[in-house]
Amino acid sequence: MVNENPEETMTFGELLTLIADQQRRLTALESAFSALSFCLDEKASGLLIQSLRLEAQNQDRDENMQQHFARLAEHLEQRLAVVNISPSQ
């Protein structure tokens, strides 16, 4: 296959570098989103988790995306449980 725009051609190494950079950016966004959950009160956190669980059941999304929503909801729920544990318990 001949590329008509050689200036847009990417080497395999460049592609791997781009993918790694995108993975780092996604990790940063996930961390930021999780940290923002600490700014929510318990009711808002519960609503967020419920919304994420609904997205995990959304048939318009592919199975992988549904699993990602479910994992994020579970992760936030676990973080919320850790924050709600008081030192006296």
PDB file of N, CA and C in Angstrom:
ATOM      1  N   MET A   1       0.852  -1.179   0.000  1.00  0.00           N
ATOM      2  CA  MET A   1       0.000   0.000   0.000  1.00  0.00           C
ATOM      3  C   MET A   1       0.898   1.243   0.000  1.00  0.00           C
ATOM      4  N   VAL A   2       0.678   2.111  -0.953  1.00  0.00           N
ATOM      5  CA  VAL A   2       1.484   3.318  -1.092  1.00  0.00           C
ATOM      6  C   VAL A   2       0.734   4.476  -0.450  1.00  0.00           C
ATOM      7  N   ASN A   3       1.436   5.207   0.405  1.00  0.00           N
ATOM      8  CA  ASN A   3       0.843   6.360   1.066  1.00  0.00           C
ATOM      9  C   ASN A   3       1.067   7.593   0.191  1.00  0.00           C
ATOM     10  N   GLU A   4      -0.008   8.287  -0.128  1.00  0.00           N
ATOM     11  CA  GLU A   4       0.105   9.477  -0.977  1.00  0.00           C
ATOM     12  C   GLU A   4       0.677  10.679  -0.237  1.00  0.00           C
ATOM     13  N   ASN A   5       0.659  10.653   1.067  1.00  0.00           N
ATOM     14  CA  ASN A   5       1.180  11.748   1.893  1.00  0.00           C
ATOM     15  C   ASN A   5       2.319  11.220   2.756  1.00  0.00           C
ATOM     16  N   PRO A   6       3.531  11.145   2.218  1.00  0.00           N
ATOM     17  CA  PRO A   6       4.638  10.573   2.996  1.00  0.00           C
ATOM     18  C   PRO A   6       4.946  11.343   4.274  1.00  0.00           C
ATOM     19  N   GLU A   7       4.604  12.630   4.336  1.00  0.00           N
ATOM     20  CA  GLU A   7       4.872  13.389   5.564  1.00  0.00           C
ATOM     21  C   GLU A   7       3.975  12.931   6.712  1.00  0.00           C
ATOM     22  N   GLU A   8       2.930  12.178   6.397  1.00  0.00           N
ATOM     23  CA  GLU A   8       2.031  11.668   7.430  1.00  0.00           C
ATOM     24  C   GLU A   8       2.357  10.228   7.817  1.00  0.00           C
ATOM     25  N   THR A   9       3.373   9.658   7.202  1.00  0.00           N
ATOM     26  CA  THR A   9       3.766   8.294   7.495  1.00  0.00           C
ATOM     27  C   THR A   9       4.417   8.241   8.876  1.00  0.00           C
ATOM     28  N   MET A  10       4.074   7.178   9.614  1.00  0.00           N
ATOM     29  CA  MET A  10       4.587   7.031  10.971  1.00  0.00           C
ATOM     30  C   MET A  10       5.325   5.704  11.057  1.00  0.00           C
ATOM     31  N   THR A  11       6.475   5.717  11.664  1.00  0.00           N
ATOM     32  CA  THR A  11       7.206   4.457  11.865  1.00  0.00           C
ATOM     33  C   THR A  11       6.545   3.681  12.998  1.00  0.00           C
ATOM     34  N   PHE A  12       6.882   2.411  13.066  1.00  0.00           N
ATOM     35  CA  PHE A  12       6.338   1.572  14.133  1.00  0.00           C
ATOM     36  C   PHE A  12       6.777   2.100  15.500  1.00  0.00           C
ATOM     37  N   GLY A  13       8.015   2.526  15.604  1.00  0.00           N
ATOM     38  CA  GLY A  13       8.516   3.085  16.861  1.00  0.00           C
ATOM     39  C   GLY A  13       7.768   4.342  17.271  1.00  0.00           C
ATOM     40  N   GLU A  14       7.482   5.205  16.292  1.00  0.00           N
ATOM     41  CA  GLU A  14       6.716   6.424  16.578  1.00  0.00           C
ATOM     42  C   GLU A  14       5.308   6.073  17.039  1.00  0.00           C
ATOM     43  N   LEU A  15       4.726   5.045  16.408  1.00  0.00           N
ATOM     44  CA  LEU A  15       3.387   4.607  16.810  1.00  0.00           C
ATOM     45  C   LEU A  15       3.394   4.090  18.243  1.00  0.00           C
ATOM     46  N   LEU A  16       4.407   3.298  18.597  1.00  0.00           N
ATOM     47  CA  LEU A  16       4.521   2.794  19.969  1.00  0.00           C
ATOM     48  C   LEU A  16       4.698   3.932  20.965  1.00  0.00           C
ATOM     49  N   THR A  17       5.487   4.930  20.590  1.00  0.00           N
ATOM     50  CA  THR A  17       5.687   6.096  21.446  1.00  0.00           C
ATOM     51  C   THR A  17       4.367   6.846  21.639  1.00  0.00           C
ATOM     52  N   LEU A  18       3.618   7.009  20.560  1.00  0.00           N
ATOM     53  CA  LEU A  18       2.319   7.684  20.636  1.00  0.00           C
ATOM     54  C   LEU A  18       1.347   6.918  21.528  1.00  0.00           C
ATOM     55  N   ILE A  19       1.315   5.603  21.377  1.00  0.00           N
ATOM     56  CA  ILE A  19       0.434   4.778  22.205  1.00  0.00           C
ATOM     57  C   ILE A  19       0.829   4.890  23.674  1.00  0.00           C
ATOM     58  N   ALA A  20       2.100   4.824  23.967  1.00  0.00           N
ATOM     59  CA  ALA A  20       2.567   4.938  25.359  1.00  0.00           C
ATOM     60  C   ALA A  20       2.195   6.290  25.944  1.00  0.00           C
ATOM     61  N   ASP A  21       2.335   7.351  25.141  1.00  0.00           N
ATOM     62  CA  ASP A  21       1.966   8.689  25.608  1.00  0.00           C
ATOM     63  C   ASP A  21       0.464   8.761  25.888  1.00  0.00           C
ATOM     64  N   GLN A  22      -0.342   8.176  25.019  1.00  0.00           N
ATOM     65  CA  GLN A  22      -1.782   8.175  25.223  1.00  0.00           C
ATOM     66  C   GLN A  22      -2.160   7.393  26.483  1.00  0.00           C
ATOM     67  N   GLN A  23      -1.458   6.297  26.741  1.00  0.00           N
ATOM     68  CA  GLN A  23      -1.711   5.523  27.954  1.00  0.00           C
ATOM     69  C   GLN A  23      -1.389   6.337  29.205  1.00  0.00           C
ATOM     70  N   ARG A  24      -0.285   7.084  29.170  1.00  0.00           N
ATOM     71  CA  ARG A  24       0.077   7.929  30.315  1.00  0.00           C
ATOM     72  C   ARG A  24      -0.963   9.029  30.533  1.00  0.00           C
ATOM     73  N   ARG A  25      -1.427   9.624  29.440  1.00  0.00           N
ATOM     74  CA  ARG A  25      -2.444  10.674  29.546  1.00  0.00           C
ATOM     75  C   ARG A  25      -3.741  10.099  30.115  1.00  0.00           C
ATOM     76  N   LEU A  26      -4.125   8.916  29.685  1.00  0.00           N
ATOM     77  CA  LEU A  26      -5.334   8.282  30.189  1.00  0.00           C
ATOM     78  C   LEU A  26      -5.206   7.965  31.682  1.00  0.00           C
ATOM     79  N   THR A  27      -4.041   7.489  32.083  1.00  0.00           N
ATOM     80  CA  THR A  27      -3.798   7.201  33.497  1.00  0.00           C
ATOM     81  C   THR A  27      -3.917   8.478  34.331  1.00  0.00           C
ATOM     82  N   ALA A  28      -3.375   9.569  33.828  1.00  0.00           N
ATOM     83  CA  ALA A  28      -3.475  10.851  34.537  1.00  0.00           C
ATOM     84  C   ALA A  28      -4.938  11.289  34.651  1.00  0.00           C
ATOM     85  N   LEU A  29      -5.694  11.134  33.584  1.00  0.00           N
ATOM     86  CA  LEU A  29      -7.112  11.508  33.620  1.00  0.00           C
ATOM     87  C   LEU A  29      -7.890  10.632  34.597  1.00  0.00           C
ATOM     88  N   GLU A  30      -7.602   9.346  34.615  1.00  0.00           N
ATOM     89  CA  GLU A  30      -8.269   8.449  35.562  1.00  0.00           C
ATOM     90  C   GLU A  30      -7.947   8.844  37.000  1.00  0.00           C
ATOM     91  N   SER A  31      -6.699   9.172  37.262  1.00  0.00           N
ATOM     92  CA  SER A  31      -6.303   9.589  38.616  1.00  0.00           C
ATOM     93  C   SER A  31      -6.992  10.895  39.008  1.00  0.00           C
ATOM     94  N   ALA A  32      -7.026  11.836  38.079  1.00  0.00           N
ATOM     95  CA  ALA A  32      -7.679  13.120  38.363  1.00  0.00           C
ATOM     96  C   ALA A  32      -9.169  12.916  38.617  1.00  0.00           C
ATOM     97  N   PHE A  33      -9.806  12.095  37.809  1.00  0.00           N
ATOM     98  CA  PHE A  33     -11.238  11.843  37.981  1.00  0.00           C
ATOM     99  C   PHE A  33     -11.507  11.188  39.333  1.00  0.00           C
ATOM    100  N   SER A  34     -10.671  10.228  39.696  1.00  0.00           N
ATOM    101  CA  SER A  34     -10.830   9.562  40.993  1.00  0.00           C
ATOM    102  C   SER A  34     -10.619  10.537  42.143  1.00  0.00           C
ATOM    103  N   ALA A  35      -9.632  11.412  42.007  1.00  0.00           N
ATOM    104  CA  ALA A  35      -9.374  12.401  43.058  1.00  0.00           C
ATOM    105  C   ALA A  35     -10.533  13.377  43.196  1.00  0.00           C
ATOM    106  N   LEU A  36     -11.155  13.727  42.092  1.00  0.00           N
ATOM    107  CA  LEU A  36     -12.301  14.633  42.151  1.00  0.00           C
ATOM    108  C   LEU A  36     -13.453  14.034  42.954  1.00  0.00           C
ATOM    109  N   SER A  37     -13.528  12.719  42.968  1.00  0.00           N
ATOM    110  CA  SER A  37     -14.613  12.084  43.720  1.00  0.00           C
ATOM    111  C   SER A  37     -14.530  12.406  45.212  1.00  0.00           C
ATOM    112  N   PHE A  38     -13.330  12.732  45.707  1.00  0.00           N
ATOM    113  CA  PHE A  38     -13.186  13.101  47.116  1.00  0.00           C
ATOM    114  C   PHE A  38     -13.844  14.450  47.413  1.00  0.00           C
ATOM    115  N   CYS A  39     -14.086  15.246  46.393  1.00  0.00           N
ATOM    116  CA  CYS A  39     -14.707  16.558  46.575  1.00  0.00           C
ATOM    117  C   CYS A  39     -16.227  16.460  46.672  1.00  0.00           C
ATOM    118  N   LEU A  40     -16.765  15.298  46.389  1.00  0.00           N
ATOM    119  CA  LEU A  40     -18.215  15.115  46.398  1.00  0.00           C
ATOM    120  C   LEU A  40     -18.685  14.650  47.764  1.00  0.00           C
ATOM    121  N   ASP A  41     -19.894  15.081  48.131  1.00  0.00           N
ATOM    122  CA  ASP A  41     -20.457  14.558  49.363  1.00  0.00           C
ATOM    123  C   ASP A  41     -20.951  13.124  49.108  1.00  0.00           C
ATOM    124  N   GLU A  42     -21.383  12.463  50.150  1.00  0.00           N
ATOM    125  CA  GLU A  42     -21.748  11.049  50.032  1.00  0.00           C
ATOM    126  C   GLU A  42     -22.900  10.833  49.039  1.00  0.00           C
ATOM    127  N   LYS A  43     -23.878  11.715  49.047  1.00  0.00           N
ATOM    128  CA  LYS A  43     -25.024  11.568  48.132  1.00  0.00           C
ATOM    129  C   LYS A  43     -24.580  11.733  46.675  1.00  0.00           C
ATOM    130  N   ALA A  44     -23.777  12.763  46.403  1.00  0.00           N
ATOM    131  CA  ALA A  44     -23.297  12.993  45.041  1.00  0.00           C
ATOM    132  C   ALA A  44     -22.406  11.842  44.580  1.00  0.00           C
ATOM    133  N   SER A  45     -21.587  11.325  45.479  1.00  0.00           N
ATOM    134  CA  SER A  45     -20.739  10.172  45.135  1.00  0.00           C
ATOM    135  C   SER A  45     -21.601   8.969  44.786  1.00  0.00           C
ATOM    136  N   GLY A  46     -22.639   8.760  45.566  1.00  0.00           N
ATOM    137  CA  GLY A  46     -23.551   7.650  45.296  1.00  0.00           C
ATOM    138  C   GLY A  46     -24.232   7.792  43.945  1.00  0.00           C
ATOM    139  N   LEU A  47     -24.641   9.015  43.622  1.00  0.00           N
ATOM    140  CA  LEU A  47     -25.276   9.258  42.323  1.00  0.00           C
ATOM    141  C   LEU A  47     -24.298   9.035  41.174  1.00  0.00           C
ATOM    142  N   LEU A  48     -23.055   9.447  41.366  1.00  0.00           N
ATOM    143  CA  LEU A  48     -22.032   9.229  40.347  1.00  0.00           C
ATOM    144  C   LEU A  48     -21.807   7.735  40.123  1.00  0.00           C
ATOM    145  N   ILE A  49     -21.688   6.986  41.198  1.00  0.00           N
ATOM    146  CA  ILE A  49     -21.487   5.540  41.099  1.00  0.00           C
ATOM    147  C   ILE A  49     -22.679   4.878  40.420  1.00  0.00           C
ATOM    148  N   GLN A  50     -23.881   5.305  40.778  1.00  0.00           N
ATOM    149  CA  GLN A  50     -25.088   4.764  40.151  1.00  0.00           C
ATOM    150  C   GLN A  50     -25.103   5.071  38.654  1.00  0.00           C
ATOM    151  N   SER A  51     -24.722   6.266  38.290  1.00  0.00           N
ATOM    152  CA  SER A  51     -24.680   6.660  36.884  1.00  0.00           C
ATOM    153  C   SER A  51     -23.661   5.813  36.116  1.00  0.00           C
ATOM    154  N   LEU A  52     -22.502   5.592  36.709  1.00  0.00           N
ATOM    155  CA  LEU A  52     -21.487   4.758  36.066  1.00  0.00           C
ATOM    156  C   LEU A  52     -21.970   3.324  35.905  1.00  0.00           C
ATOM    157  N   ARG A  53     -22.688   2.815  36.896  1.00  0.00           N
ATOM    158  CA  ARG A  53     -23.231   1.450  36.790  1.00  0.00           C
ATOM    159  C   ARG A  53     -24.290   1.364  35.679  1.00  0.00           C
ATOM    160  N   LEU A  54     -25.065   2.415  35.525  1.00  0.00           N
ATOM    161  CA  LEU A  54     -26.043   2.429  34.428  1.00  0.00           C
ATOM    162  C   LEU A  54     -25.333   2.430  33.074  1.00  0.00           C
ATOM    163  N   GLU A  55     -24.257   3.192  32.970  1.00  0.00           N
ATOM    164  CA  GLU A  55     -23.485   3.192  31.730  1.00  0.00           C
ATOM    165  C   GLU A  55     -22.888   1.806  31.462  1.00  0.00           C
ATOM    166  N   ALA A  56     -22.552   1.100  32.528  1.00  0.00           N
ATOM    167  CA  ALA A  56     -22.008  -0.248  32.380  1.00  0.00           C
ATOM    168  C   ALA A  56     -23.049  -1.218  31.826  1.00  0.00           C
ATOM    169  N   GLN A  57     -24.316  -0.861  31.943  1.00  0.00           N
ATOM    170  CA  GLN A  57     -25.392  -1.704  31.429  1.00  0.00           C
ATOM    171  C   GLN A  57     -25.944  -1.186  30.101  1.00  0.00           C
ATOM    172  N   ASN A  58     -25.431  -0.074  29.636  1.00  0.00           N
ATOM    173  CA  ASN A  58     -25.909   0.554  28.403  1.00  0.00           C
ATOM    174  C   ASN A  58     -25.565  -0.328  27.205  1.00  0.00           C
ATOM    175  N   GLN A  59     -26.585  -0.836  26.533  1.00  0.00           N
ATOM    176  CA  GLN A  59     -26.383  -1.740  25.400  1.00  0.00           C
ATOM    177  C   GLN A  59     -25.847  -1.030  24.166  1.00  0.00           C
ATOM    178  N   ASP A  60     -25.849   0.303  24.171  1.00  0.00           N
ATOM    179  CA  ASP A  60     -25.281   1.056  23.047  1.00  0.00           C
ATOM    180  C   ASP A  60     -23.760   1.073  23.103  1.00  0.00           C
ATOM    181  N   ARG A  61     -23.191   0.650  24.222  1.00  0.00           N
ATOM    182  CA  ARG A  61     -21.741   0.615  24.388  1.00  0.00           C
ATOM    183  C   ARG A  61     -21.246  -0.808  24.161  1.00  0.00           C
ATOM    184  N   ASP A  62     -20.024  -0.932  23.659  1.00  0.00           N
ATOM    185  CA  ASP A  62     -19.487  -2.283  23.463  1.00  0.00           C
ATOM    186  C   ASP A  62     -19.128  -2.886  24.822  1.00  0.00           C
ATOM    187  N   GLU A  63     -18.903  -4.184  24.822  1.00  0.00           N
ATOM    188  CA  GLU A  63     -18.669  -4.906  26.075  1.00  0.00           C
ATOM    189  C   GLU A  63     -17.453  -4.398  26.839  1.00  0.00           C
ATOM    190  N   ASN A  64     -16.391  -4.069  26.126  1.00  0.00           N
ATOM    191  CA  ASN A  64     -15.188  -3.559  26.798  1.00  0.00           C
ATOM    192  C   ASN A  64     -15.471  -2.238  27.501  1.00  0.00           C
ATOM    193  N   MET A  65     -16.201  -1.349  26.844  1.00  0.00           N
ATOM    194  CA  MET A  65     -16.521  -0.054  27.457  1.00  0.00           C
ATOM    195  C   MET A  65     -17.418  -0.265  28.676  1.00  0.00           C
ATOM    196  N   GLN A  66     -18.365  -1.180  28.572  1.00  0.00           N
ATOM    197  CA  GLN A  66     -19.227  -1.483  29.713  1.00  0.00           C
ATOM    198  C   GLN A  66     -18.400  -1.966  30.899  1.00  0.00           C
ATOM    199  N   GLN A  67     -17.417  -2.804  30.632  1.00  0.00           N
ATOM    200  CA  GLN A  67     -16.554  -3.304  31.708  1.00  0.00           C
ATOM    201  C   GLN A  67     -15.740  -2.181  32.335  1.00  0.00           C
ATOM    202  N   HIS A  68     -15.285  -1.248  31.528  1.00  0.00           N
ATOM    203  CA  HIS A  68     -14.524  -0.116  32.064  1.00  0.00           C
ATOM    204  C   HIS A  68     -15.400   0.742  32.978  1.00  0.00           C
ATOM    205  N   PHE A  69     -16.641   0.990  32.571  1.00  0.00           N
ATOM    206  CA  PHE A  69     -17.555   1.752  33.434  1.00  0.00           C
ATOM    207  C   PHE A  69     -17.807   1.005  34.745  1.00  0.00           C
ATOM    208  N   ALA A  70     -17.997  -0.301  34.668  1.00  0.00           N
ATOM    209  CA  ALA A  70     -18.256  -1.099  35.868  1.00  0.00           C
ATOM    210  C   ALA A  70     -17.054  -1.061  36.812  1.00  0.00           C
ATOM    211  N   ARG A  71     -15.845  -1.188  36.251  1.00  0.00           N
ATOM    212  CA  ARG A  71     -14.634  -1.139  37.084  1.00  0.00           C
ATOM    213  C   ARG A  71     -14.449   0.227  37.733  1.00  0.00           C
ATOM    214  N   LEU A  72     -14.739   1.284  36.989  1.00  0.00           N
ATOM    215  CA  LEU A  72     -14.605   2.628  37.556  1.00  0.00           C
ATOM    216  C   LEU A  72     -15.600   2.818  38.694  1.00  0.00           C
ATOM    217  N   ALA A  73     -16.832   2.359  38.498  1.00  0.00           N
ATOM    218  CA  ALA A  73     -17.835   2.459  39.565  1.00  0.00           C
ATOM    219  C   ALA A  73     -17.370   1.694  40.801  1.00  0.00           C
ATOM    220  N   GLU A  74     -16.850   0.493  40.591  1.00  0.00           N
ATOM    221  CA  GLU A  74     -16.362  -0.325  41.706  1.00  0.00           C
ATOM    222  C   GLU A  74     -15.192   0.357  42.417  1.00  0.00           C
ATOM    223  N   HIS A  75     -14.274   0.910  41.637  1.00  0.00           N
ATOM    224  CA  HIS A  75     -13.110   1.598  42.209  1.00  0.00           C
ATOM    225  C   HIS A  75     -13.557   2.797  43.067  1.00  0.00           C
ATOM    226  N   LEU A  76     -14.475   3.600  42.532  1.00  0.00           N
ATOM    227  CA  LEU A  76     -14.959   4.767  43.286  1.00  0.00           C
ATOM    228  C   LEU A  76     -15.714   4.340  44.536  1.00  0.00           C
ATOM    229  N   GLU A  77     -16.467   3.263  44.426  1.00  0.00           N
ATOM    230  CA  GLU A  77     -17.208   2.765  45.582  1.00  0.00           C
ATOM    231  C   GLU A  77     -16.251   2.301  46.679  1.00  0.00           C
ATOM    232  N   GLN A  78     -15.174   1.636  46.291  1.00  0.00           N
ATOM    233  CA  GLN A  78     -14.175   1.200  47.272  1.00  0.00           C
ATOM    234  C   GLN A  78     -13.487   2.396  47.922  1.00  0.00           C
ATOM    235  N   ARG A  79     -13.159   3.411  47.129  1.00  0.00           N
ATOM    236  CA  ARG A  79     -12.518   4.611  47.694  1.00  0.00           C
ATOM    237  C   ARG A  79     -13.457   5.323  48.651  1.00  0.00           C
ATOM    238  N   LEU A  80     -14.739   5.378  48.296  1.00  0.00           N
ATOM    239  CA  LEU A  80     -15.731   6.016  49.159  1.00  0.00           C
ATOM    240  C   LEU A  80     -15.841   5.264  50.482  1.00  0.00           C
ATOM    241  N   ALA A  81     -15.809   3.939  50.424  1.00  0.00           N
ATOM    242  CA  ALA A  81     -15.885   3.128  51.645  1.00  0.00           C
ATOM    243  C   ALA A  81     -14.680   3.372  52.535  1.00  0.00           C
ATOM    244  N   VAL A  82     -13.501   3.514  51.964  1.00  0.00           N
ATOM    245  CA  VAL A  82     -12.284   3.766  52.743  1.00  0.00           C
ATOM    246  C   VAL A  82     -12.361   5.133  53.409  1.00  0.00           C
ATOM    247  N   VAL A  83     -12.859   6.131  52.695  1.00  0.00           N
ATOM    248  CA  VAL A  83     -12.964   7.479  53.252  1.00  0.00           C
ATOM    249  C   VAL A  83     -13.974   7.526  54.386  1.00  0.00           C
ATOM    250  N   ASN A  84     -15.039   6.729  54.288  1.00  0.00           N
ATOM    251  CA  ASN A  84     -16.106   6.750  55.301  1.00  0.00           C
ATOM    252  C   ASN A  84     -15.759   5.979  56.559  1.00  0.00           C
ATOM    253  N   ILE A  85     -14.646   5.259  56.573  1.00  0.00           N
ATOM    254  CA  ILE A  85     -14.239   4.530  57.784  1.00  0.00           C
ATOM    255  C   ILE A  85     -13.650   5.538  58.768  1.00  0.00           C
ATOM    256  N   SER A  86     -14.258   5.622  59.915  1.00  0.00           N
ATOM    257  CA  SER A  86     -13.749   6.578  60.900  1.00  0.00           C
ATOM    258  C   SER A  86     -12.691   5.907  61.779  1.00  0.00           C
ATOM    259  N   PRO A  87     -11.795   6.686  62.393  1.00  0.00           N
ATOM    260  CA  PRO A  87     -10.739   6.115  63.237  1.00  0.00           C
ATOM    261  C   PRO A  87     -11.286   5.367  64.439  1.00  0.00           C
ATOM    262  N   SER A  88     -12.512   5.653  64.888  1.00  0.00           N
ATOM    263  CA  SER A  88     -13.066   5.005  66.070  1.00  0.00           C
ATOM    264  C   SER A  88     -13.595   3.603  65.762  1.00  0.00           C
ATOM    265  N   GLN A  89     -13.658   3.215  64.475  1.00  0.00           N
ATOM    266  CA  GLN A  89     -14.198   1.893  64.142  1.00  0.00           C
ATOM    267  C   GLN A  89     -13.129   0.841  64.154  1.00  0.00           C
TER     268      GLN A  89
END
